[in-house]
Amino acid sequence: MKPLAALCRSFAAPAAVAAAMMLAACGAEVAGAAASVGSLQAQQATQARAQQQQIVDGLKAGQAAGLARAASAAD
């Protein structure tokens, strides 16, 4: 029968390899999730800029219409 210390050493290496593989898999999953979140945030930022531009365009059109009414009322 093997001494307890030798038995522990024989299981330590495979356990360390298994633990390292599990941590690597978790890291890959976290990196994938981070990439997905980054992509989603980029899409949201693009949509927000488009909405902002629509609002600015609407305000400019309203201002132009107001100025045109004021000019025609002055005539």
PDB file of N, CA and C in Angstrom:
ATOM      1  N   MET A   1       0.847  -1.189   0.000  1.00  0.00           N
ATOM      2  CA  MET A   1       0.000   0.000   0.000  1.00  0.00           C
ATOM      3  C   MET A   1       0.884   1.242   0.000  1.00  0.00           C
ATOM      4  N   LYS A   2       0.520   2.236  -0.794  1.00  0.00           N
ATOM      5  CA  LYS A   2       1.301   3.465  -0.913  1.00  0.00           C
ATOM      6  C   LYS A   2       1.120   4.308   0.349  1.00  0.00           C
ATOM      7  N   PRO A   3       2.168   5.011   0.729  1.00  0.00           N
ATOM      8  CA  PRO A   3       2.006   5.949   1.852  1.00  0.00           C
ATOM      9  C   PRO A   3       1.047   7.067   1.445  1.00  0.00           C
ATOM     10  N   LEU A   4       0.445   7.670   2.415  1.00  0.00           N
ATOM     11  CA  LEU A   4      -0.559   8.722   2.175  1.00  0.00           C
ATOM     12  C   LEU A   4       0.022   9.897   1.393  1.00  0.00           C
ATOM     13  N   ALA A   5       1.242  10.310   1.676  1.00  0.00           N
ATOM     14  CA  ALA A   5       1.864  11.440   0.981  1.00  0.00           C
ATOM     15  C   ALA A   5       2.030  11.126  -0.501  1.00  0.00           C
ATOM     16  N   ALA A   6       2.430   9.915  -0.836  1.00  0.00           N
ATOM     17  CA  ALA A   6       2.605   9.535  -2.233  1.00  0.00           C
ATOM     18  C   ALA A   6       1.258   9.485  -2.934  1.00  0.00           C
ATOM     19  N   LEU A   7       0.262   9.015  -2.236  1.00  0.00           N
ATOM     20  CA  LEU A   7      -1.078   8.956  -2.803  1.00  0.00           C
ATOM     21  C   LEU A   7      -1.601  10.366  -3.091  1.00  0.00           C
ATOM     22  N   CYS A   8      -1.363  11.295  -2.174  1.00  0.00           N
ATOM     23  CA  CYS A   8      -1.805  12.687  -2.366  1.00  0.00           C
ATOM     24  C   CYS A   8      -1.095  13.327  -3.551  1.00  0.00           C
ATOM     25  N   ARG A   9       0.220  13.055  -3.695  1.00  0.00           N
ATOM     26  CA  ARG A   9       0.966  13.626  -4.822  1.00  0.00           C
ATOM     27  C   ARG A   9       0.448  13.087  -6.149  1.00  0.00           C
ATOM     28  N   SER A  10       0.046  11.833  -6.163  1.00  0.00           N
ATOM     29  CA  SER A  10      -0.416  11.251  -7.416  1.00  0.00           C
ATOM     30  C   SER A  10      -1.744  11.856  -7.867  1.00  0.00           C
ATOM     31  N   PHE A  11      -2.530  12.362  -6.935  1.00  0.00           N
ATOM     32  CA  PHE A  11      -3.805  12.993  -7.286  1.00  0.00           C
ATOM     33  C   PHE A  11      -3.684  14.507  -7.442  1.00  0.00           C
ATOM     34  N   ALA A  12      -2.619  15.089  -6.922  1.00  0.00           N
ATOM     35  CA  ALA A  12      -2.481  16.544  -6.937  1.00  0.00           C
ATOM     36  C   ALA A  12      -2.299  17.079  -8.354  1.00  0.00           C
ATOM     37  N   ALA A  13      -1.479  16.450  -9.158  1.00  0.00           N
ATOM     38  CA  ALA A  13      -1.222  16.948 -10.510  1.00  0.00           C
ATOM     39  C   ALA A  13      -2.470  16.907 -11.379  1.00  0.00           C
ATOM     40  N   PRO A  14      -3.205  15.779 -11.455  1.00  0.00           N
ATOM     41  CA  PRO A  14      -4.424  15.782 -12.272  1.00  0.00           C
ATOM     42  C   PRO A  14      -5.480  16.770 -11.762  1.00  0.00           C
ATOM     43  N   ALA A  15      -5.550  16.928 -10.451  1.00  0.00           N
ATOM     44  CA  ALA A  15      -6.516  17.878  -9.888  1.00  0.00           C
ATOM     45  C   ALA A  15      -6.144  19.304 -10.265  1.00  0.00           C
ATOM     46  N   ALA A  16      -4.842  19.606 -10.249  1.00  0.00           N
ATOM     47  CA  ALA A  16      -4.396  20.952 -10.612  1.00  0.00           C
ATOM     48  C   ALA A  16      -4.678  21.219 -12.086  1.00  0.00           C
ATOM     49  N   VAL A  17      -4.445  20.209 -12.926  1.00  0.00           N
ATOM     50  CA  VAL A  17      -4.722  20.364 -14.356  1.00  0.00           C
ATOM     51  C   VAL A  17      -6.217  20.574 -14.583  1.00  0.00           C
ATOM     52  N   ALA A  18      -7.043  19.793 -13.887  1.00  0.00           N
ATOM     53  CA  ALA A  18      -8.495  19.937 -14.032  1.00  0.00           C
ATOM     54  C   ALA A  18      -8.953  21.314 -13.569  1.00  0.00           C
ATOM     55  N   ALA A  19      -8.391  21.784 -12.452  1.00  0.00           N
ATOM     56  CA  ALA A  19      -8.760  23.111 -11.946  1.00  0.00           C
ATOM     57  C   ALA A  19      -8.343  24.200 -12.933  1.00  0.00           C
ATOM     58  N   ALA A  20      -7.151  24.070 -13.512  1.00  0.00           N
ATOM     59  CA  ALA A  20      -6.686  25.062 -14.481  1.00  0.00           C
ATOM     60  C   ALA A  20      -7.576  25.069 -15.725  1.00  0.00           C
ATOM     61  N   MET A  21      -7.990  23.886 -16.161  1.00  0.00           N
ATOM     62  CA  MET A  21      -8.862  23.814 -17.336  1.00  0.00           C
ATOM     63  C   MET A  21     -10.219  24.447 -17.050  1.00  0.00           C
ATOM     64  N   MET A  22     -10.744  24.224 -15.853  1.00  0.00           N
ATOM     65  CA  MET A  22     -12.043  24.811 -15.508  1.00  0.00           C
ATOM     66  C   MET A  22     -11.937  26.328 -15.431  1.00  0.00           C
ATOM     67  N   LEU A  23     -10.841  26.826 -14.862  1.00  0.00           N
ATOM     68  CA  LEU A  23     -10.658  28.278 -14.788  1.00  0.00           C
ATOM     69  C   LEU A  23     -10.496  28.878 -16.179  1.00  0.00           C
ATOM     70  N   ALA A  24      -9.788  28.181 -17.052  1.00  0.00           N
ATOM     71  CA  ALA A  24      -9.621  28.677 -18.418  1.00  0.00           C
ATOM     72  C   ALA A  24     -10.957  28.732 -19.139  1.00  0.00           C
ATOM     73  N   ALA A  25     -11.799  27.730 -18.920  1.00  0.00           N
ATOM     74  CA  ALA A  25     -13.128  27.728 -19.549  1.00  0.00           C
ATOM     75  C   ALA A  25     -13.966  28.887 -19.030  1.00  0.00           C
ATOM     76  N   CYS A  26     -13.869  29.160 -17.746  1.00  0.00           N
ATOM     77  CA  CYS A  26     -14.617  30.292 -17.175  1.00  0.00           C
ATOM     78  C   CYS A  26     -14.115  31.607 -17.760  1.00  0.00           C
ATOM     79  N   GLY A  27     -12.809  31.712 -17.921  1.00  0.00           N
ATOM     80  CA  GLY A  27     -12.243  32.933 -18.493  1.00  0.00           C
ATOM     81  C   GLY A  27     -12.723  33.159 -19.914  1.00  0.00           C
ATOM     82  N   ALA A  28     -12.796  32.076 -20.690  1.00  0.00           N
ATOM     83  CA  ALA A  28     -13.280  32.201 -22.065  1.00  0.00           C
ATOM     84  C   ALA A  28     -14.742  32.623 -22.087  1.00  0.00           C
ATOM     85  N   GLU A  29     -15.524  32.088 -21.156  1.00  0.00           N
ATOM     86  CA  GLU A  29     -16.945  32.448 -21.093  1.00  0.00           C
ATOM     87  C   GLU A  29     -17.106  33.911 -20.707  1.00  0.00           C
ATOM     88  N   VAL A  30     -16.319  34.358 -19.747  1.00  0.00           N
ATOM     89  CA  VAL A  30     -16.382  35.767 -19.317  1.00  0.00           C
ATOM     90  C   VAL A  30     -15.951  36.683 -20.457  1.00  0.00           C
ATOM     91  N   ALA A  31     -14.902  36.295 -21.175  1.00  0.00           N
ATOM     92  CA  ALA A  31     -14.445  37.118 -22.295  1.00  0.00           C
ATOM     93  C   ALA A  31     -15.512  37.186 -23.383  1.00  0.00           C
ATOM     94  N   GLY A  32     -16.183  36.062 -23.639  1.00  0.00           N
ATOM     95  CA  GLY A  32     -17.258  36.059 -24.636  1.00  0.00           C
ATOM     96  C   GLY A  32     -18.411  36.936 -24.210  1.00  0.00           C
ATOM     97  N   ALA A  33     -18.762  36.876 -22.924  1.00  0.00           N
ATOM     98  CA  ALA A  33     -19.849  37.708 -22.414  1.00  0.00           C
ATOM     99  C   ALA A  33     -19.479  39.187 -22.494  1.00  0.00           C
ATOM    100  N   ALA A  34     -18.235  39.500 -22.173  1.00  0.00           N
ATOM    101  CA  ALA A  34     -17.786  40.901 -22.243  1.00  0.00           C
ATOM    102  C   ALA A  34     -17.837  41.412 -23.675  1.00  0.00           C
ATOM    103  N   ALA A  35     -17.461  40.565 -24.619  1.00  0.00           N
ATOM    104  CA  ALA A  35     -17.517  40.980 -26.025  1.00  0.00           C
ATOM    105  C   ALA A  35     -18.956  41.211 -26.461  1.00  0.00           C
ATOM    106  N   SER A  36     -19.871  40.358 -25.993  1.00  0.00           N
ATOM    107  CA  SER A  36     -21.284  40.529 -26.338  1.00  0.00           C
ATOM    108  C   SER A  36     -21.837  41.826 -25.760  1.00  0.00           C
ATOM    109  N   VAL A  37     -21.484  42.104 -24.518  1.00  0.00           N
ATOM    110  CA  VAL A  37     -21.953  43.338 -23.868  1.00  0.00           C
ATOM    111  C   VAL A  37     -21.387  44.555 -24.589  1.00  0.00           C
ATOM    112  N   GLY A  38     -20.115  44.490 -24.959  1.00  0.00           N
ATOM    113  CA  GLY A  38     -19.496  45.606 -25.677  1.00  0.00           C
ATOM    114  C   GLY A  38     -20.171  45.854 -27.007  1.00  0.00           C
ATOM    115  N   SER A  39     -20.507  44.794 -27.709  1.00  0.00           N
ATOM    116  CA  SER A  39     -21.192  44.924 -28.995  1.00  0.00           C
ATOM    117  C   SER A  39     -22.576  45.532 -28.813  1.00  0.00           C
ATOM    118  N   LEU A  40     -23.284  45.074 -27.799  1.00  0.00           N
ATOM    119  CA  LEU A  40     -24.627  45.600 -27.522  1.00  0.00           C
ATOM    120  C   LEU A  40     -24.561  47.082 -27.165  1.00  0.00           C
ATOM    121  N   GLN A  41     -23.582  47.459 -26.357  1.00  0.00           N
ATOM    122  CA  GLN A  41     -23.445  48.866 -25.981  1.00  0.00           C
ATOM    123  C   GLN A  41     -23.108  49.729 -27.194  1.00  0.00           C
ATOM    124  N   ALA A  42     -22.319  49.205 -28.109  1.00  0.00           N
ATOM    125  CA  ALA A  42     -21.997  49.957 -29.323  1.00  0.00           C
ATOM    126  C   ALA A  42     -23.247  50.169 -30.162  1.00  0.00           C
ATOM    127  N   GLN A  43     -24.094  49.141 -30.263  1.00  0.00           N
ATOM    128  CA  GLN A  43     -25.345  49.275 -31.010  1.00  0.00           C
ATOM    129  C   GLN A  43     -26.258  50.296 -30.351  1.00  0.00           C
ATOM    130  N   GLN A  44     -26.336  50.256 -29.029  1.00  0.00           N
ATOM    131  CA  GLN A  44     -27.183  51.208 -28.313  1.00  0.00           C
ATOM    132  C   GLN A  44     -26.679  52.631 -28.495  1.00  0.00           C
ATOM    133  N   ALA A  45     -25.368  52.812 -28.486  1.00  0.00           N
ATOM    134  CA  ALA A  45     -24.804  54.149 -28.679  1.00  0.00           C
ATOM    135  C   ALA A  45     -25.119  54.662 -30.078  1.00  0.00           C
ATOM    136  N   THR A  46     -25.040  53.789 -31.068  1.00  0.00           N
ATOM    137  CA  THR A  46     -25.365  54.180 -32.443  1.00  0.00           C
ATOM    138  C   THR A  46     -26.831  54.585 -32.550  1.00  0.00           C
ATOM    139  N   GLN A  47     -27.716  53.817 -31.924  1.00  0.00           N
ATOM    140  CA  GLN A  47     -29.146  54.140 -31.938  1.00  0.00           C
ATOM    141  C   GLN A  47     -29.409  55.457 -31.217  1.00  0.00           C
ATOM    142  N   ALA A  48     -28.722  55.680 -30.103  1.00  0.00           N
ATOM    143  CA  ALA A  48     -28.914  56.923 -29.354  1.00  0.00           C
ATOM    144  C   ALA A  48     -28.477  58.128 -30.176  1.00  0.00           C
ATOM    145  N   ARG A  49     -27.352  57.991 -30.908  1.00  0.00           N
ATOM    146  CA  ARG A  49     -26.898  59.101 -31.750  1.00  0.00           C
ATOM    147  C   ARG A  49     -27.901  59.381 -32.871  1.00  0.00           C
ATOM    148  N   ALA A  50     -28.481  58.330 -33.437  1.00  0.00           N
ATOM    149  CA  ALA A  50     -29.483  58.519 -34.500  1.00  0.00           C
ATOM    150  C   ALA A  50     -30.715  59.229 -33.948  1.00  0.00           C
ATOM    151  N   GLN A  51     -31.164  58.830 -32.758  1.00  0.00           N
ATOM    152  CA  GLN A  51     -32.316  59.494 -32.139  1.00  0.00           C
ATOM    153  C   GLN A  51     -31.996  60.946 -31.823  1.00  0.00           C
ATOM    154  N   GLN A  52     -30.797  61.186 -31.327  1.00  0.00           N
ATOM    155  CA  GLN A  52     -30.391  62.555 -31.011  1.00  0.00           C
ATOM    156  C   GLN A  52     -30.412  63.420 -32.273  1.00  0.00           C
ATOM    157  N   GLN A  53     -29.918  62.876 -33.369  1.00  0.00           N
ATOM    158  CA  GLN A  53     -29.902  63.628 -34.627  1.00  0.00           C
ATOM    159  C   GLN A  53     -31.320  63.931 -35.110  1.00  0.00           C
ATOM    160  N   GLN A  54     -32.235  62.960 -34.939  1.00  0.00           N
ATOM    161  CA  GLN A  54     -33.634  63.193 -35.323  1.00  0.00           C
ATOM    162  C   GLN A  54     -34.234  64.321 -34.496  1.00  0.00           C
ATOM    163  N   ILE A  55     -33.928  64.348 -33.219  1.00  0.00           N
ATOM    164  CA  ILE A  55     -34.463  65.411 -32.347  1.00  0.00           C
ATOM    165  C   ILE A  55     -33.900  66.766 -32.761  1.00  0.00           C
ATOM    166  N   VAL A  56     -32.604  66.808 -33.017  1.00  0.00           N
ATOM    167  CA  VAL A  56     -31.977  68.071 -33.432  1.00  0.00           C
ATOM    168  C   VAL A  56     -32.574  68.546 -34.750  1.00  0.00           C
ATOM    169  N   ASP A  57     -32.747  67.619 -35.688  1.00  0.00           N
ATOM    170  CA  ASP A  57     -33.343  67.985 -36.974  1.00  0.00           C
ATOM    171  C   ASP A  57     -34.766  68.518 -36.793  1.00  0.00           C
ATOM    172  N   GLY A  58     -35.536  67.893 -35.909  1.00  0.00           N
ATOM    173  CA  GLY A  58     -36.893  68.356 -35.633  1.00  0.00           C
ATOM    174  C   GLY A  58     -36.911  69.744 -35.011  1.00  0.00           C
ATOM    175  N   LEU A  59     -35.985  69.982 -34.089  1.00  0.00           N
ATOM    176  CA  LEU A  59     -35.904  71.306 -33.466  1.00  0.00           C
ATOM    177  C   LEU A  59     -35.518  72.376 -34.494  1.00  0.00           C
ATOM    178  N   LYS A  60     -34.586  72.038 -35.377  1.00  0.00           N
ATOM    179  CA  LYS A  60     -34.183  72.996 -36.414  1.00  0.00           C
ATOM    180  C   LYS A  60     -35.342  73.291 -37.360  1.00  0.00           C
ATOM    181  N   ALA A  61     -36.093  72.262 -37.713  1.00  0.00           N
ATOM    182  CA  ALA A  61     -37.245  72.464 -38.598  1.00  0.00           C
ATOM    183  C   ALA A  61     -38.293  73.330 -37.909  1.00  0.00           C
ATOM    184  N   GLY A  62     -38.527  73.094 -36.630  1.00  0.00           N
ATOM    185  CA  GLY A  62     -39.483  73.918 -35.883  1.00  0.00           C
ATOM    186  C   GLY A  62     -39.021  75.356 -35.782  1.00  0.00           C
ATOM    187  N   GLN A  63     -37.743  75.545 -35.561  1.00  0.00           N
ATOM    188  CA  GLN A  63     -37.203  76.900 -35.483  1.00  0.00           C
ATOM    189  C   GLN A  63     -37.337  77.608 -36.828  1.00  0.00           C
ATOM    190  N   ALA A  64     -37.039  76.901 -37.902  1.00  0.00           N
ATOM    191  CA  ALA A  64     -37.156  77.506 -39.234  1.00  0.00           C
ATOM    192  C   ALA A  64     -38.599  77.881 -39.524  1.00  0.00           C
ATOM    193  N   ALA A  65     -39.529  76.997 -39.138  1.00  0.00           N
ATOM    194  CA  ALA A  65     -40.947  77.302 -39.366  1.00  0.00           C
ATOM    195  C   ALA A  65     -41.374  78.509 -38.540  1.00  0.00           C
ATOM    196  N   GLY A  66     -40.903  78.595 -37.310  1.00  0.00           N
ATOM    197  CA  GLY A  66     -41.231  79.747 -36.461  1.00  0.00           C
ATOM    198  C   GLY A  66     -40.683  81.032 -37.029  1.00  0.00           C
ATOM    199  N   LEU A  67     -39.448  80.994 -37.526  1.00  0.00           N
ATOM    200  CA  LEU A  67     -38.864  82.182 -38.128  1.00  0.00           C
ATOM    201  C   LEU A  67     -39.615  82.586 -39.396  1.00  0.00           C
ATOM    202  N   ALA A  68     -40.058  81.606 -40.170  1.00  0.00           N
ATOM    203  CA  ALA A  68     -40.820  81.901 -41.389  1.00  0.00           C
ATOM    204  C   ALA A  68     -42.147  82.537 -41.033  1.00  0.00           C
ATOM    205  N   ARG A  69     -42.818  82.031 -39.994  1.00  0.00           N
ATOM    206  CA  ARG A  69     -44.102  82.644 -39.559  1.00  0.00           C
ATOM    207  C   ARG A  69     -43.888  84.071 -39.077  1.00  0.00           C
ATOM    208  N   ALA A  70     -42.810  84.262 -38.320  1.00  0.00           N
ATOM    209  CA  ALA A  70     -42.538  85.611 -37.816  1.00  0.00           C
ATOM    210  C   ALA A  70     -42.238  86.576 -38.963  1.00  0.00           C
ATOM    211  N   ALA A  71     -41.521  86.087 -39.965  1.00  0.00           N
ATOM    212  CA  ALA A  71     -41.191  86.945 -41.101  1.00  0.00           C
ATOM    213  C   ALA A  71     -42.443  87.279 -41.904  1.00  0.00           C
ATOM    214  N   SER A  72     -43.347  86.305 -42.077  1.00  0.00           N
ATOM    215  CA  SER A  72     -44.561  86.584 -42.839  1.00  0.00           C
ATOM    216  C   SER A  72     -45.519  87.457 -42.037  1.00  0.00           C
ATOM    217  N   ALA A  73     -45.486  87.354 -40.732  1.00  0.00           N
ATOM    218  CA  ALA A  73     -46.349  88.208 -39.918  1.00  0.00           C
ATOM    219  C   ALA A  73     -45.840  89.658 -39.931  1.00  0.00           C
ATOM    220  N   ALA A  74     -44.550  89.836 -40.090  1.00  0.00           N
ATOM    221  CA  ALA A  74     -43.972  91.163 -40.118  1.00  0.00           C
ATOM    222  C   ALA A  74     -44.269  91.890 -41.418  1.00  0.00           C
ATOM    223  N   ASP A  75     -44.596  91.127 -42.467  1.00  0.00           N
ATOM    224  CA  ASP A  75     -44.867  91.756 -43.774  1.00  0.00           C
ATOM    225  C   ASP A  75     -46.198  92.434 -43.808  1.00  0.00           C
TER     226      ASP A  75
END
